[in-house]
Amino acid sequence: MKFKTVISDVKNTPYSDALDMGNLIQFSGMMGLDDNGLVKGGVIAETRQIFKNLKQNLDFYQLNYSNVVKALVMLKNMGEFQDFNAVYLEHLSKPYPVRSTFGVADLAFGACVEIEFLVSK
């Protein structure tokens, strides 16, 4: 197993960005963060930033969105589910990854959405 800690080393966070398990890579939960912190614009802007961050991580492994096999989504407001889905569908296509979506009381940094991804090589 190999741990990827590029972002977590820079941001000094107590977790690894990803765990490479051979055929699978588990990414830690991603939020709509850029170099300046949480992007402004709510769930739509944050979800777009998450997919931008995911793409950078996939590029590191020479993979793309079609390698995503599972997404675990945490939404602070389930009333924004349709807005979230619209952005999600801008990046992922059939066959869609399996997915679970949960409404949560709160997220770090005051985020609206956080997503964990499992990726197949």
PDB file of N, CA and C in Angstrom:
ATOM      1  N   MET A   1       0.847  -1.182   0.000  1.00  0.00           N
ATOM      2  CA  MET A   1       0.000   0.000   0.000  1.00  0.00           C
ATOM      3  C   MET A   1       0.885   1.236   0.000  1.00  0.00           C
ATOM      4  N   LYS A   2       0.441   2.255  -0.742  1.00  0.00           N
ATOM      5  CA  LYS A   2       1.164   3.510  -0.805  1.00  0.00           C
ATOM      6  C   LYS A   2       0.221   4.644  -0.432  1.00  0.00           C
ATOM      7  N   PHE A   3       0.677   5.506   0.445  1.00  0.00           N
ATOM      8  CA  PHE A   3      -0.102   6.659   0.858  1.00  0.00           C
ATOM      9  C   PHE A   3       0.360   7.876   0.077  1.00  0.00           C
ATOM     10  N   LYS A   4      -0.580   8.641  -0.463  1.00  0.00           N
ATOM     11  CA  LYS A   4      -0.261   9.883  -1.162  1.00  0.00           C
ATOM     12  C   LYS A   4      -0.536  11.027  -0.196  1.00  0.00           C
ATOM     13  N   THR A   5       0.464  11.845   0.042  1.00  0.00           N
ATOM     14  CA  THR A   5       0.315  12.909   1.030  1.00  0.00           C
ATOM     15  C   THR A   5       0.722  14.273   0.490  1.00  0.00           C
ATOM     16  N   VAL A   6       0.617  14.485  -0.798  1.00  0.00           N
ATOM     17  CA  VAL A   6       1.063  15.750  -1.383  1.00  0.00           C
ATOM     18  C   VAL A   6       0.309  16.930  -0.789  1.00  0.00           C
ATOM     19  N   ILE A   7      -1.014  16.933  -0.888  1.00  0.00           N
ATOM     20  CA  ILE A   7      -1.804  18.058  -0.387  1.00  0.00           C
ATOM     21  C   ILE A   7      -1.788  18.090   1.132  1.00  0.00           C
ATOM     22  N   SER A   8      -1.933  16.933   1.763  1.00  0.00           N
ATOM     23  CA  SER A   8      -1.972  16.915   3.225  1.00  0.00           C
ATOM     24  C   SER A   8      -0.641  17.360   3.826  1.00  0.00           C
ATOM     25  N   ASP A   9       0.467  17.128   3.149  1.00  0.00           N
ATOM     26  CA  ASP A   9       1.754  17.633   3.635  1.00  0.00           C
ATOM     27  C   ASP A   9       1.801  19.154   3.557  1.00  0.00           C
ATOM     28  N   VAL A  10       1.339  19.707   2.440  1.00  0.00           N
ATOM     29  CA  VAL A  10       1.354  21.163   2.258  1.00  0.00           C
ATOM     30  C   VAL A  10       0.412  21.841   3.246  1.00  0.00           C
ATOM     31  N   LYS A  11      -0.775  21.282   3.422  1.00  0.00           N
ATOM     32  CA  LYS A  11      -1.786  21.879   4.300  1.00  0.00           C
ATOM     33  C   LYS A  11      -1.611  21.459   5.759  1.00  0.00           C
ATOM     34  N   ASN A  12      -0.664  20.538   6.022  1.00  0.00           N
ATOM     35  CA  ASN A  12      -0.394  20.066   7.382  1.00  0.00           C
ATOM     36  C   ASN A  12      -1.654  19.485   8.036  1.00  0.00           C
ATOM     37  N   THR A  13      -2.312  18.572   7.324  1.00  0.00           N
ATOM     38  CA  THR A  13      -3.505  17.919   7.849  1.00  0.00           C
ATOM     39  C   THR A  13      -3.160  16.508   8.324  1.00  0.00           C
ATOM     40  N   PRO A  14      -3.909  15.996   9.304  1.00  0.00           N
ATOM     41  CA  PRO A  14      -3.577  14.702   9.902  1.00  0.00           C
ATOM     42  C   PRO A  14      -4.177  13.500   9.161  1.00  0.00           C
ATOM     43  N   TYR A  15      -4.095  13.490   7.842  1.00  0.00           N
ATOM     44  CA  TYR A  15      -4.576  12.356   7.051  1.00  0.00           C
ATOM     45  C   TYR A  15      -3.852  12.341   5.719  1.00  0.00           C
ATOM     46  N   SER A  16      -3.897  11.208   5.047  1.00  0.00           N
ATOM     47  CA  SER A  16      -3.327  11.089   3.706  1.00  0.00           C
ATOM     48  C   SER A  16      -4.386  11.452   2.681  1.00  0.00           C
ATOM     49  N   ASP A  17      -3.944  11.985   1.551  1.00  0.00           N
ATOM     50  CA  ASP A  17      -4.864  12.343   0.471  1.00  0.00           C
ATOM     51  C   ASP A  17      -5.479  11.098  -0.151  1.00  0.00           C
ATOM     52  N   ALA A  18      -4.674  10.039  -0.251  1.00  0.00           N
ATOM     53  CA  ALA A  18      -5.137   8.828  -0.921  1.00  0.00           C
ATOM     54  C   ALA A  18      -4.362   7.624  -0.417  1.00  0.00           C
ATOM     55  N   LEU A  19      -4.982   6.477  -0.569  1.00  0.00           N
ATOM     56  CA  LEU A  19      -4.338   5.213  -0.257  1.00  0.00           C
ATOM     57  C   LEU A  19      -4.393   4.354  -1.514  1.00  0.00           C
ATOM     58  N   ASP A  20      -3.229   4.066  -2.090  1.00  0.00           N
ATOM     59  CA  ASP A  20      -3.111   3.243  -3.291  1.00  0.00           C
ATOM     60  C   ASP A  20      -2.988   1.797  -2.837  1.00  0.00           C
ATOM     61  N   MET A  21      -4.016   0.997  -3.164  1.00  0.00           N
ATOM     62  CA  MET A  21      -4.077  -0.391  -2.704  1.00  0.00           C
ATOM     63  C   MET A  21      -3.855  -1.374  -3.839  1.00  0.00           C
ATOM     64  N   GLY A  22      -3.133  -0.968  -4.862  1.00  0.00           N
ATOM     65  CA  GLY A  22      -2.876  -1.863  -5.987  1.00  0.00           C
ATOM     66  C   GLY A  22      -3.823  -1.584  -7.135  1.00  0.00           C
ATOM     67  N   ASN A  23      -4.977  -2.253  -7.127  1.00  0.00           N
ATOM     68  CA  ASN A  23      -5.972  -2.035  -8.184  1.00  0.00           C
ATOM     69  C   ASN A  23      -6.956  -0.921  -7.859  1.00  0.00           C
ATOM     70  N   LEU A  24      -6.980  -0.501  -6.596  1.00  0.00           N
ATOM     71  CA  LEU A  24      -7.910   0.534  -6.152  1.00  0.00           C
ATOM     72  C   LEU A  24      -7.172   1.662  -5.453  1.00  0.00           C
ATOM     73  N   ILE A  25      -7.730   2.857  -5.572  1.00  0.00           N
ATOM     74  CA  ILE A  25      -7.223   4.018  -4.845  1.00  0.00           C
ATOM     75  C   ILE A  25      -8.393   4.626  -4.094  1.00  0.00           C
ATOM     76  N   GLN A  26      -8.259   4.763  -2.784  1.00  0.00           N
ATOM     77  CA  GLN A  26      -9.283   5.408  -1.958  1.00  0.00           C
ATOM     78  C   GLN A  26      -8.815   6.832  -1.679  1.00  0.00           C
ATOM     79  N   PHE A  27      -9.610   7.818  -2.110  1.00  0.00           N
ATOM     80  CA  PHE A  27      -9.297   9.219  -1.835  1.00  0.00           C
ATOM     81  C   PHE A  27     -10.023   9.671  -0.585  1.00  0.00           C
ATOM     82  N   SER A  28      -9.340  10.455   0.222  1.00  0.00           N
ATOM     83  CA  SER A  28      -9.983  11.068   1.383  1.00  0.00           C
ATOM     84  C   SER A  28     -11.091  11.989   0.910  1.00  0.00           C
ATOM     85  N   GLY A  29     -11.982  12.340   1.832  1.00  0.00           N
ATOM     86  CA  GLY A  29     -13.067  13.259   1.487  1.00  0.00           C
ATOM     87  C   GLY A  29     -12.520  14.561   0.933  1.00  0.00           C
ATOM     88  N   MET A  30     -13.117  15.008  -0.160  1.00  0.00           N
ATOM     89  CA  MET A  30     -12.707  16.257  -0.813  1.00  0.00           C
ATOM     90  C   MET A  30     -13.807  17.295  -0.642  1.00  0.00           C
ATOM     91  N   MET A  31     -13.356  18.513  -0.362  1.00  0.00           N
ATOM     92  CA  MET A  31     -14.267  19.650  -0.289  1.00  0.00           C
ATOM     93  C   MET A  31     -13.858  20.654  -1.356  1.00  0.00           C
ATOM     94  N   GLY A  32     -14.679  21.647  -1.571  1.00  0.00           N
ATOM     95  CA  GLY A  32     -14.429  22.644  -2.607  1.00  0.00           C
ATOM     96  C   GLY A  32     -13.383  23.653  -2.194  1.00  0.00           C
ATOM     97  N   LEU A  33     -12.184  23.162  -1.914  1.00  0.00           N
ATOM     98  CA  LEU A  33     -11.090  24.027  -1.469  1.00  0.00           C
ATOM     99  C   LEU A  33     -10.120  24.296  -2.607  1.00  0.00           C
ATOM    100  N   ASP A  34      -9.658  25.540  -2.699  1.00  0.00           N
ATOM    101  CA  ASP A  34      -8.554  25.872  -3.593  1.00  0.00           C
ATOM    102  C   ASP A  34      -7.448  26.472  -2.735  1.00  0.00           C
ATOM    103  N   ASP A  35      -6.473  27.104  -3.333  1.00  0.00           N
ATOM    104  CA  ASP A  35      -5.344  27.651  -2.575  1.00  0.00           C
ATOM    105  C   ASP A  35      -5.759  28.748  -1.597  1.00  0.00           C
ATOM    106  N   ASN A  36      -6.936  29.329  -1.795  1.00  0.00           N
ATOM    107  CA  ASN A  36      -7.414  30.411  -0.933  1.00  0.00           C
ATOM    108  C   ASN A  36      -8.435  29.948   0.095  1.00  0.00           C
ATOM    109  N   GLY A  37      -8.705  28.655   0.152  1.00  0.00           N
ATOM    110  CA  GLY A  37      -9.697  28.127   1.081  1.00  0.00           C
ATOM    111  C   GLY A  37     -10.942  27.669   0.356  1.00  0.00           C
ATOM    112  N   LEU A  38     -12.065  27.642   1.057  1.00  0.00           N
ATOM    113  CA  LEU A  38     -13.332  27.194   0.486  1.00  0.00           C
ATOM    114  C   LEU A  38     -13.793  28.185  -0.581  1.00  0.00           C
ATOM    115  N   VAL A  39     -14.099  27.673  -1.773  1.00  0.00           N
ATOM    116  CA  VAL A  39     -14.566  28.556  -2.846  1.00  0.00           C
ATOM    117  C   VAL A  39     -15.927  29.126  -2.485  1.00  0.00           C
ATOM    118  N   LYS A  40     -16.200  30.313  -2.976  1.00  0.00           N
ATOM    119  CA  LYS A  40     -17.486  30.960  -2.726  1.00  0.00           C
ATOM    120  C   LYS A  40     -18.473  30.544  -3.813  1.00  0.00           C
ATOM    121  N   GLY A  41     -19.757  30.518  -3.464  1.00  0.00           N
ATOM    122  CA  GLY A  41     -20.773  30.201  -4.448  1.00  0.00           C
ATOM    123  C   GLY A  41     -21.642  29.027  -4.073  1.00  0.00           C
ATOM    124  N   GLY A  42     -21.421  28.458  -2.896  1.00  0.00           N
ATOM    125  CA  GLY A  42     -22.283  27.387  -2.417  1.00  0.00           C
ATOM    126  C   GLY A  42     -22.036  26.047  -3.068  1.00  0.00           C
ATOM    127  N   VAL A  43     -23.047  25.204  -3.034  1.00  0.00           N
ATOM    128  CA  VAL A  43     -22.901  23.797  -3.418  1.00  0.00           C
ATOM    129  C   VAL A  43     -22.467  23.641  -4.878  1.00  0.00           C
ATOM    130  N   ILE A  44     -22.940  24.488  -5.773  1.00  0.00           N
ATOM    131  CA  ILE A  44     -22.568  24.359  -7.185  1.00  0.00           C
ATOM    132  C   ILE A  44     -21.083  24.657  -7.371  1.00  0.00           C
ATOM    133  N   ALA A  45     -20.620  25.772  -6.866  1.00  0.00           N
ATOM    134  CA  ALA A  45     -19.203  26.136  -6.997  1.00  0.00           C
ATOM    135  C   ALA A  45     -18.309  25.141  -6.271  1.00  0.00           C
ATOM    136  N   GLU A  46     -18.726  24.704  -5.095  1.00  0.00           N
ATOM    137  CA  GLU A  46     -17.923  23.744  -4.331  1.00  0.00           C
ATOM    138  C   GLU A  46     -17.824  22.404  -5.054  1.00  0.00           C
ATOM    139  N   THR A  47     -18.931  21.941  -5.619  1.00  0.00           N
ATOM    140  CA  THR A  47     -18.903  20.664  -6.330  1.00  0.00           C
ATOM    141  C   THR A  47     -18.006  20.757  -7.557  1.00  0.00           C
ATOM    142  N   ARG A  48     -18.077  21.862  -8.277  1.00  0.00           N
ATOM    143  CA  ARG A  48     -17.178  22.044  -9.433  1.00  0.00           C
ATOM    144  C   ARG A  48     -15.721  22.018  -8.995  1.00  0.00           C
ATOM    145  N   GLN A  49     -15.409  22.651  -7.867  1.00  0.00           N
ATOM    146  CA  GLN A  49     -14.030  22.659  -7.369  1.00  0.00           C
ATOM    147  C   GLN A  49     -13.599  21.264  -6.933  1.00  0.00           C
ATOM    148  N   ILE A  50     -14.507  20.514  -6.322  1.00  0.00           N
ATOM    149  CA  ILE A  50     -14.191  19.138  -5.936  1.00  0.00           C
ATOM    150  C   ILE A  50     -13.778  18.333  -7.164  1.00  0.00           C
ATOM    151  N   PHE A  51     -14.534  18.460  -8.248  1.00  0.00           N
ATOM    152  CA  PHE A  51     -14.184  17.704  -9.449  1.00  0.00           C
ATOM    153  C   PHE A  51     -12.897  18.213 -10.090  1.00  0.00           C
ATOM    154  N   LYS A  52     -12.614  19.496  -9.956  1.00  0.00           N
ATOM    155  CA  LYS A  52     -11.321  20.021 -10.421  1.00  0.00           C
ATOM    156  C   LYS A  52     -10.191  19.397  -9.593  1.00  0.00           C
ATOM    157  N   ASN A  53     -10.372  19.338  -8.278  1.00  0.00           N
ATOM    158  CA  ASN A  53      -9.370  18.726  -7.402  1.00  0.00           C
ATOM    159  C   ASN A  53      -9.226  17.231  -7.689  1.00  0.00           C
ATOM    160  N   LEU A  54     -10.366  16.563  -7.915  1.00  0.00           N
ATOM    161  CA  LEU A  54     -10.322  15.142  -8.242  1.00  0.00           C
ATOM    162  C   LEU A  54      -9.530  14.920  -9.521  1.00  0.00           C
ATOM    163  N   LYS A  55      -9.760  15.758 -10.540  1.00  0.00           N
ATOM    164  CA  LYS A  55      -9.035  15.609 -11.799  1.00  0.00           C
ATOM    165  C   LYS A  55      -7.532  15.715 -11.582  1.00  0.00           C
ATOM    166  N   GLN A  56      -7.101  16.656 -10.768  1.00  0.00           N
ATOM    167  CA  GLN A  56      -5.665  16.793 -10.468  1.00  0.00           C
ATOM    168  C   GLN A  56      -5.129  15.524  -9.813  1.00  0.00           C
ATOM    169  N   ASN A  57      -5.905  14.953  -8.914  1.00  0.00           N
ATOM    170  CA  ASN A  57      -5.492  13.709  -8.262  1.00  0.00           C
ATOM    171  C   ASN A  57      -5.479  12.544  -9.236  1.00  0.00           C
ATOM    172  N   LEU A  58      -6.487  12.462 -10.082  1.00  0.00           N
ATOM    173  CA  LEU A  58      -6.516  11.398 -11.087  1.00  0.00           C
ATOM    174  C   LEU A  58      -5.345  11.539 -12.059  1.00  0.00           C
ATOM    175  N   ASP A  59      -5.026  12.767 -12.443  1.00  0.00           N
ATOM    176  CA  ASP A  59      -3.877  13.014 -13.329  1.00  0.00           C
ATOM    177  C   ASP A  59      -2.587  12.480 -12.711  1.00  0.00           C
ATOM    178  N   PHE A  60      -2.441  12.632 -11.396  1.00  0.00           N
ATOM    179  CA  PHE A  60      -1.259  12.134 -10.690  1.00  0.00           C
ATOM    180  C   PHE A  60      -1.068  10.640 -10.946  1.00  0.00           C
ATOM    181  N   TYR A  61      -2.185   9.904 -11.021  1.00  0.00           N
ATOM    182  CA  TYR A  61      -2.159   8.457 -11.247  1.00  0.00           C
ATOM    183  C   TYR A  61      -2.362   8.086 -12.723  1.00  0.00           C
ATOM    184  N   GLN A  62      -2.418   9.086 -13.592  1.00  0.00           N
ATOM    185  CA  GLN A  62      -2.659   8.890 -15.026  1.00  0.00           C
ATOM    186  C   GLN A  62      -3.993   8.182 -15.269  1.00  0.00           C
ATOM    187  N   LEU A  63      -5.021   8.646 -14.555  1.00  0.00           N
ATOM    188  CA  LEU A  63      -6.375   8.113 -14.662  1.00  0.00           C
ATOM    189  C   LEU A  63      -7.326   9.246 -15.029  1.00  0.00           C
ATOM    190  N   ASN A  64      -8.611   8.918 -15.217  1.00  0.00           N
ATOM    191  CA  ASN A  64      -9.604   9.947 -15.518  1.00  0.00           C
ATOM    192  C   ASN A  64     -10.913   9.617 -14.800  1.00  0.00           C
ATOM    193  N   TYR A  65     -11.924  10.472 -15.023  1.00  0.00           N
ATOM    194  CA  TYR A  65     -13.196  10.308 -14.326  1.00  0.00           C
ATOM    195  C   TYR A  65     -13.828   8.932 -14.547  1.00  0.00           C
ATOM    196  N   SER A  66     -13.582   8.310 -15.688  1.00  0.00           N
ATOM    197  CA  SER A  66     -14.193   7.006 -15.952  1.00  0.00           C
ATOM    198  C   SER A  66     -13.658   5.915 -15.028  1.00  0.00           C
ATOM    199  N   ASN A  67     -12.565   6.190 -14.313  1.00  0.00           N
ATOM    200  CA  ASN A  67     -12.012   5.229 -13.368  1.00  0.00           C
ATOM    201  C   ASN A  67     -12.704   5.278 -11.998  1.00  0.00           C
ATOM    202  N   VAL A  68     -13.553   6.278 -11.778  1.00  0.00           N
ATOM    203  CA  VAL A  68     -14.259   6.391 -10.496  1.00  0.00           C
ATOM    204  C   VAL A  68     -15.311   5.282 -10.421  1.00  0.00           C
ATOM    205  N   VAL A  69     -15.233   4.462  -9.368  1.00  0.00           N
ATOM    206  CA  VAL A  69     -16.182   3.359  -9.215  1.00  0.00           C
ATOM    207  C   VAL A  69     -17.175   3.575  -8.075  1.00  0.00           C
ATOM    208  N   LYS A  70     -16.841   4.490  -7.147  1.00  0.00           N
ATOM    209  CA  LYS A  70     -17.754   4.758  -6.037  1.00  0.00           C
ATOM    210  C   LYS A  70     -17.571   6.188  -5.563  1.00  0.00           C
ATOM    211  N   ALA A  71     -18.694   6.811  -5.193  1.00  0.00           N
ATOM    212  CA  ALA A  71     -18.672   8.141  -4.582  1.00  0.00           C
ATOM    213  C   ALA A  71     -19.536   8.096  -3.323  1.00  0.00           C
ATOM    214  N   LEU A  72     -19.006   8.636  -2.248  1.00  0.00           N
ATOM    215  CA  LEU A  72     -19.770   8.794  -1.013  1.00  0.00           C
ATOM    216  C   LEU A  72     -19.920  10.295  -0.808  1.00  0.00           C
ATOM    217  N   VAL A  73     -21.153  10.767  -0.899  1.00  0.00           N
ATOM    218  CA  VAL A  73     -21.445  12.200  -0.890  1.00  0.00           C
ATOM    219  C   VAL A  73     -22.085  12.591   0.435  1.00  0.00           C
ATOM    220  N   MET A  74     -21.590  13.684   1.010  1.00  0.00           N
ATOM    221  CA  MET A  74     -22.174  14.256   2.216  1.00  0.00           C
ATOM    222  C   MET A  74     -22.633  15.671   1.896  1.00  0.00           C
ATOM    223  N   LEU A  75     -23.925  15.921   2.021  1.00  0.00           N
ATOM    224  CA  LEU A  75     -24.503  17.233   1.749  1.00  0.00           C
ATOM    225  C   LEU A  75     -25.015  17.852   3.039  1.00  0.00           C
ATOM    226  N   LYS A  76     -24.682  19.108   3.235  1.00  0.00           N
ATOM    227  CA  LYS A  76     -25.156  19.811   4.420  1.00  0.00           C
ATOM    228  C   LYS A  76     -26.647  20.132   4.317  1.00  0.00           C
ATOM    229  N   ASN A  77     -27.127  20.305   3.080  1.00  0.00           N
ATOM    230  CA  ASN A  77     -28.533  20.642   2.860  1.00  0.00           C
ATOM    231  C   ASN A  77     -29.079  19.746   1.755  1.00  0.00           C
ATOM    232  N   MET A  78     -29.898  18.775   2.107  1.00  0.00           N
ATOM    233  CA  MET A  78     -30.447  17.854   1.110  1.00  0.00           C
ATOM    234  C   MET A  78     -31.372  18.562   0.126  1.00  0.00           C
ATOM    235  N   GLY A  79     -31.790  19.779   0.439  1.00  0.00           N
ATOM    236  CA  GLY A  79     -32.570  20.578  -0.494  1.00  0.00           C
ATOM    237  C   GLY A  79     -31.750  21.002  -1.712  1.00  0.00           C
ATOM    238  N   GLU A  80     -30.423  20.852  -1.634  1.00  0.00           N
ATOM    239  CA  GLU A  80     -29.530  21.195  -2.746  1.00  0.00           C
ATOM    240  C   GLU A  80     -29.124  19.964  -3.562  1.00  0.00           C
ATOM    241  N   PHE A  81     -29.822  18.862  -3.325  1.00  0.00           N
ATOM    242  CA  PHE A  81     -29.503  17.599  -3.992  1.00  0.00           C
ATOM    243  C   PHE A  81     -29.542  17.725  -5.516  1.00  0.00           C
ATOM    244  N   GLN A  82     -30.554  18.386  -6.057  1.00  0.00           N
ATOM    245  CA  GLN A  82     -30.673  18.520  -7.515  1.00  0.00           C
ATOM    246  C   GLN A  82     -29.570  19.396  -8.090  1.00  0.00           C
ATOM    247  N   ASP A  83     -29.217  20.485  -7.397  1.00  0.00           N
ATOM    248  CA  ASP A  83     -28.104  21.340  -7.846  1.00  0.00           C
ATOM    249  C   ASP A  83     -26.802  20.549  -7.842  1.00  0.00           C
ATOM    250  N   PHE A  84     -26.589  19.779  -6.781  1.00  0.00           N
ATOM    251  CA  PHE A  84     -25.400  18.937  -6.705  1.00  0.00           C
ATOM    252  C   PHE A  84     -25.376  17.953  -7.877  1.00  0.00           C
ATOM    253  N   ASN A  85     -26.494  17.259  -8.101  1.00  0.00           N
ATOM    254  CA  ASN A  85     -26.567  16.264  -9.171  1.00  0.00           C
ATOM    255  C   ASN A  85     -26.273  16.870 -10.544  1.00  0.00           C
ATOM    256  N   ALA A  86     -26.731  18.085 -10.788  1.00  0.00           N
ATOM    257  CA  ALA A  86     -26.489  18.728 -12.081  1.00  0.00           C
ATOM    258  C   ALA A  86     -24.987  18.867 -12.338  1.00  0.00           C
ATOM    259  N   VAL A  87     -24.230  19.274 -11.335  1.00  0.00           N
ATOM    260  CA  VAL A  87     -22.772  19.416 -11.496  1.00  0.00           C
ATOM    261  C   VAL A  87     -22.112  18.047 -11.571  1.00  0.00           C
ATOM    262  N   TYR A  88     -22.561  17.122 -10.759  1.00  0.00           N
ATOM    263  CA  TYR A  88     -22.044  15.753 -10.768  1.00  0.00           C
ATOM    264  C   TYR A  88     -22.130  15.167 -12.176  1.00  0.00           C
ATOM    265  N   LEU A  89     -23.270  15.389 -12.837  1.00  0.00           N
ATOM    266  CA  LEU A  89     -23.487  14.846 -14.175  1.00  0.00           C
ATOM    267  C   LEU A  89     -22.677  15.567 -15.254  1.00  0.00           C
ATOM    268  N   GLU A  90     -22.131  16.735 -14.944  1.00  0.00           N
ATOM    269  CA  GLU A  90     -21.223  17.417 -15.874  1.00  0.00           C
ATOM    270  C   GLU A  90     -19.896  16.664 -15.988  1.00  0.00           C
ATOM    271  N   HIS A  91     -19.584  15.831 -14.990  1.00  0.00           N
ATOM    272  CA  HIS A  91     -18.265  15.198 -14.914  1.00  0.00           C
ATOM    273  C   HIS A  91     -18.280  13.682 -15.035  1.00  0.00           C
ATOM    274  N   LEU A  92     -19.368  13.058 -14.637  1.00  0.00           N
ATOM    275  CA  LEU A  92     -19.449  11.597 -14.671  1.00  0.00           C
ATOM    276  C   LEU A  92     -20.561  11.163 -15.606  1.00  0.00           C
ATOM    277  N   SER A  93     -20.334  10.061 -16.303  1.00  0.00           N
ATOM    278  CA  SER A  93     -21.333   9.578 -17.260  1.00  0.00           C
ATOM    279  C   SER A  93     -21.534   8.074 -17.073  1.00  0.00           C
ATOM    280  N   LYS A  94     -22.506   7.535 -17.806  1.00  0.00           N
ATOM    281  CA  LYS A  94     -22.810   6.108 -17.707  1.00  0.00           C
ATOM    282  C   LYS A  94     -21.638   5.280 -18.195  1.00  0.00           C
ATOM    283  N   PRO A  95     -21.379   4.153 -17.591  1.00  0.00           N
ATOM    284  CA  PRO A  95     -22.035   3.658 -16.378  1.00  0.00           C
ATOM    285  C   PRO A  95     -21.565   4.455 -15.167  1.00  0.00           C
ATOM    286  N   TYR A  96     -22.513   4.980 -14.417  1.00  0.00           N
ATOM    287  CA  TYR A  96     -22.186   5.814 -13.268  1.00  0.00           C
ATOM    288  C   TYR A  96     -21.546   4.984 -12.153  1.00  0.00           C
ATOM    289  N   PRO A  97     -20.699   5.636 -11.360  1.00  0.00           N
ATOM    290  CA  PRO A  97     -20.182   4.952 -10.173  1.00  0.00           C
ATOM    291  C   PRO A  97     -21.326   4.639  -9.203  1.00  0.00           C
ATOM    292  N   VAL A  98     -21.157   3.623  -8.387  1.00  0.00           N
ATOM    293  CA  VAL A  98     -22.114   3.426  -7.299  1.00  0.00           C
ATOM    294  C   VAL A  98     -21.972   4.621  -6.365  1.00  0.00           C
ATOM    295  N   ARG A  99     -23.045   4.943  -5.651  1.00  0.00           N
ATOM    296  CA  ARG A  99     -23.000   6.165  -4.854  1.00  0.00           C
ATOM    297  C   ARG A  99     -23.935   6.072  -3.666  1.00  0.00           C
ATOM    298  N   SER A 100     -23.506   6.673  -2.583  1.00  0.00           N
ATOM    299  CA  SER A 100     -24.352   6.904  -1.415  1.00  0.00           C
ATOM    300  C   SER A 100     -24.330   8.403  -1.157  1.00  0.00           C
ATOM    301  N   THR A 101     -25.486   8.954  -0.779  1.00  0.00           N
ATOM    302  CA  THR A 101     -25.575  10.380  -0.462  1.00  0.00           C
ATOM    303  C   THR A 101     -26.246  10.520   0.893  1.00  0.00           C
ATOM    304  N   PHE A 102     -25.608  11.275   1.771  1.00  0.00           N
ATOM    305  CA  PHE A 102     -26.109  11.466   3.125  1.00  0.00           C
ATOM    306  C   PHE A 102     -26.276  12.945   3.413  1.00  0.00           C
ATOM    307  N   GLY A 103     -27.324  13.284   4.122  1.00  0.00           N
ATOM    308  CA  GLY A 103     -27.476  14.615   4.679  1.00  0.00           C
ATOM    309  C   GLY A 103     -26.752  14.647   6.019  1.00  0.00           C
ATOM    310  N   VAL A 104     -25.941  15.667   6.235  1.00  0.00           N
ATOM    311  CA  VAL A 104     -25.153  15.763   7.466  1.00  0.00           C
ATOM    312  C   VAL A 104     -25.434  17.091   8.162  1.00  0.00           C
ATOM    313  N   ALA A 105     -25.184  17.137   9.458  1.00  0.00           N
ATOM    314  CA  ALA A 105     -25.437  18.340  10.249  1.00  0.00           C
ATOM    315  C   ALA A 105     -24.432  19.445   9.934  1.00  0.00           C
ATOM    316  N   ASP A 106     -23.182  19.087   9.663  1.00  0.00           N
ATOM    317  CA  ASP A 106     -22.162  20.101   9.418  1.00  0.00           C
ATOM    318  C   ASP A 106     -20.959  19.454   8.750  1.00  0.00           C
ATOM    319  N   LEU A 107     -20.143  20.280   8.112  1.00  0.00           N
ATOM    320  CA  LEU A 107     -18.906  19.833   7.487  1.00  0.00           C
ATOM    321  C   LEU A 107     -17.787  20.805   7.848  1.00  0.00           C
ATOM    322  N   ALA A 108     -16.561  20.332   7.803  1.00  0.00           N
ATOM    323  CA  ALA A 108     -15.405  21.181   8.096  1.00  0.00           C
ATOM    324  C   ALA A 108     -15.383  22.380   7.155  1.00  0.00           C
ATOM    325  N   PHE A 109     -14.798  23.472   7.621  1.00  0.00           N
ATOM    326  CA  PHE A 109     -14.625  24.711   6.857  1.00  0.00           C
ATOM    327  C   PHE A 109     -15.954  25.370   6.476  1.00  0.00           C
ATOM    328  N   GLY A 110     -17.073  24.871   7.011  1.00  0.00           N
ATOM    329  CA  GLY A 110     -18.376  25.415   6.650  1.00  0.00           C
ATOM    330  C   GLY A 110     -18.811  25.000   5.254  1.00  0.00           C
ATOM    331  N   ALA A 111     -18.227  23.911   4.743  1.00  0.00           N
ATOM    332  CA  ALA A 111     -18.529  23.441   3.389  1.00  0.00           C
ATOM    333  C   ALA A 111     -19.973  22.974   3.272  1.00  0.00           C
ATOM    334  N   CYS A 112     -20.479  23.016   2.037  1.00  0.00           N
ATOM    335  CA  CYS A 112     -21.818  22.526   1.721  1.00  0.00           C
ATOM    336  C   CYS A 112     -21.805  21.060   1.323  1.00  0.00           C
ATOM    337  N   VAL A 113     -20.645  20.597   0.809  1.00  0.00           N
ATOM    338  CA  VAL A 113     -20.562  19.243   0.260  1.00  0.00           C
ATOM    339  C   VAL A 113     -19.149  18.695   0.454  1.00  0.00           C
ATOM    340  N   GLU A 114     -19.075  17.397   0.681  1.00  0.00           N
ATOM    341  CA  GLU A 114     -17.806  16.669   0.743  1.00  0.00           C
ATOM    342  C   GLU A 114     -18.030  15.331   0.040  1.00  0.00           C
ATOM    343  N   ILE A 115     -17.029  14.891  -0.719  1.00  0.00           N
ATOM    344  CA  ILE A 115     -17.159  13.631  -1.451  1.00  0.00           C
ATOM    345  C   ILE A 115     -15.895  12.799  -1.273  1.00  0.00           C
ATOM    346  N   GLU A 116     -16.076  11.526  -0.933  1.00  0.00           N
ATOM    347  CA  GLU A 116     -14.989  10.537  -0.963  1.00  0.00           C
ATOM    348  C   GLU A 116     -15.130   9.756  -2.265  1.00  0.00           C
ATOM    349  N   PHE A 117     -14.000   9.442  -2.894  1.00  0.00           N
ATOM    350  CA  PHE A 117     -14.017   8.688  -4.150  1.00  0.00           C
ATOM    351  C   PHE A 117     -13.180   7.412  -4.015  1.00  0.00           C
ATOM    352  N   LEU A 118     -13.687   6.340  -4.608  1.00  0.00           N
ATOM    353  CA  LEU A 118     -12.935   5.107  -4.771  1.00  0.00           C
ATOM    354  C   LEU A 118     -12.726   4.945  -6.267  1.00  0.00           C
ATOM    355  N   VAL A 119     -11.463   4.701  -6.657  1.00  0.00           N
ATOM    356  CA  VAL A 119     -11.084   4.691  -8.062  1.00  0.00           C
ATOM    357  C   VAL A 119     -10.397   3.382  -8.382  1.00  0.00           C
ATOM    358  N   SER A 120     -10.720   2.841  -9.544  1.00  0.00           N
ATOM    359  CA  SER A 120     -10.089   1.616 -10.037  1.00  0.00           C
ATOM    360  C   SER A 120      -9.032   1.988 -11.057  1.00  0.00           C
ATOM    361  N   LYS A 121      -7.909   1.267 -11.013  1.00  0.00           N
ATOM    362  CA  LYS A 121      -6.838   1.532 -11.979  1.00  0.00           C
ATOM    363  C   LYS A 121      -7.097   0.796 -13.274  1.00  0.00           C
TER     364      LYS A 121
END
